[in-house]
Structure formats: C-alpha cells, structure tokens
C-alpha cells in the first residue's frame, strides 16, 4: 500500500508537500504514510482514492485494477 501511494504521487509529478497540503497534514506525516511508519487513516485513504480517482482496494493492494468498480 505504501509503495502504491508513492507511485501514484510520482506518476503525477507531485511532491510530498503538495500531497500533505491536499490531505491537510504535515509533510512529515505524509512521508511517514509513504514509508509505512504510520498507518493511513480511513478518511485519508478515501481522500487519496478520490484525488487519484482509483479504488481504495487498489491503494490497499487488494486489487491490481486501479479502476473504481461501479
């Protein structure tokens, strides 16, 4: 999961600082999410899913399909 959020961010050429601002947290907290040093709260997972337009299952590594199932 942690590698996925880093890959999603890097694919869009975004900085950790930019993502932290989007998620209303500090850059250090966001960095800890990417490094797996801090659990990602459910509300942050939902925000990431909406921001990147991918399913939460994809972020969590449950699915390799990033598309949101409807």
Protein backbone atom coordinates (compact mmCIF):
# COMPACT_ATOMS: atom_id res chain seq x y z
CA UNK A 1 0.00 0.00 0.00
CA UNK A 2 2.76 2.44 0.88
CA UNK A 3 4.59 1.94 -2.40
CA UNK A 4 1.31 2.43 -4.26
CA UNK A 5 0.65 5.87 -2.80
CA UNK A 6 4.23 6.90 -3.57
CA UNK A 7 3.95 5.59 -7.13
CA UNK A 8 0.61 7.37 -7.65
CA UNK A 9 2.11 10.63 -6.40
CA UNK A 10 5.25 10.31 -8.50
CA UNK A 11 3.26 9.38 -11.62
CA UNK A 12 1.54 12.76 -11.34
CA UNK A 13 4.84 14.56 -10.60
CA UNK A 14 3.58 15.76 -7.23
CA UNK A 15 5.68 16.48 -4.17
CA UNK A 16 5.03 15.14 -0.70
CA UNK A 17 4.49 18.73 0.38
CA UNK A 18 1.73 19.16 -2.22
CA UNK A 19 0.01 15.94 -1.13
CA UNK A 20 0.29 16.90 2.51
CA UNK A 21 -1.45 20.18 1.73
CA UNK A 22 -4.18 18.32 -0.20
CA UNK A 23 -4.71 15.97 2.76
CA UNK A 24 -4.44 18.73 5.37
CA UNK A 25 -1.49 17.16 7.20
CA UNK A 26 2.20 17.94 7.54
CA UNK A 27 4.78 16.81 5.02
CA UNK A 28 6.37 14.66 7.72
CA UNK A 29 3.09 12.85 8.42
CA UNK A 30 2.59 12.23 4.72
CA UNK A 31 6.17 10.99 4.40
CA UNK A 32 5.50 8.56 7.24
CA UNK A 33 2.48 7.24 5.31
CA UNK A 34 4.65 6.54 2.28
CA UNK A 35 7.37 4.92 4.37
CA UNK A 36 4.89 2.71 6.21
CA UNK A 37 5.88 4.23 9.54
CA UNK A 38 2.36 5.43 10.22
CA UNK A 39 -0.97 3.76 9.50
CA UNK A 40 -3.09 5.60 6.97
CA UNK A 41 -6.45 6.54 8.50
CA UNK A 42 -9.62 5.59 6.64
CA UNK A 43 -10.53 9.19 5.88
CA UNK A 44 -7.10 9.75 4.29
CA UNK A 45 -7.48 6.56 2.22
CA UNK A 46 -10.79 7.86 0.92
CA UNK A 47 -9.26 11.26 0.11
CA UNK A 48 -6.38 9.59 -1.74
CA UNK A 49 -8.81 7.38 -3.65
CA UNK A 50 -10.87 10.40 -4.71
CA UNK A 51 -7.83 12.52 -5.52
CA UNK A 52 -6.23 9.88 -7.77
CA UNK A 53 -9.56 8.51 -8.99
CA UNK A 54 -8.62 4.95 -8.05
CA UNK A 55 -10.33 2.44 -5.80
CA UNK A 56 -9.40 2.10 -2.14
CA UNK A 57 -8.89 -1.61 -2.92
CA UNK A 58 -6.16 -0.62 -5.38
CA UNK A 59 -4.41 1.59 -2.81
CA UNK A 60 -4.62 -1.20 -0.22
CA UNK A 61 -3.20 -3.74 -2.66
CA UNK A 62 -6.35 -5.88 -2.63
CA UNK A 63 -6.78 -5.34 -6.36
CA UNK A 64 -4.33 -4.63 -9.15
CA UNK A 65 -7.08 -2.89 -11.09
CA UNK A 66 -7.00 0.84 -10.29
CA UNK A 67 -10.45 1.44 -11.79
CA UNK A 68 -13.28 2.20 -9.44
CA UNK A 69 -15.93 -0.51 -9.73
CA UNK A 70 -19.46 0.82 -10.13
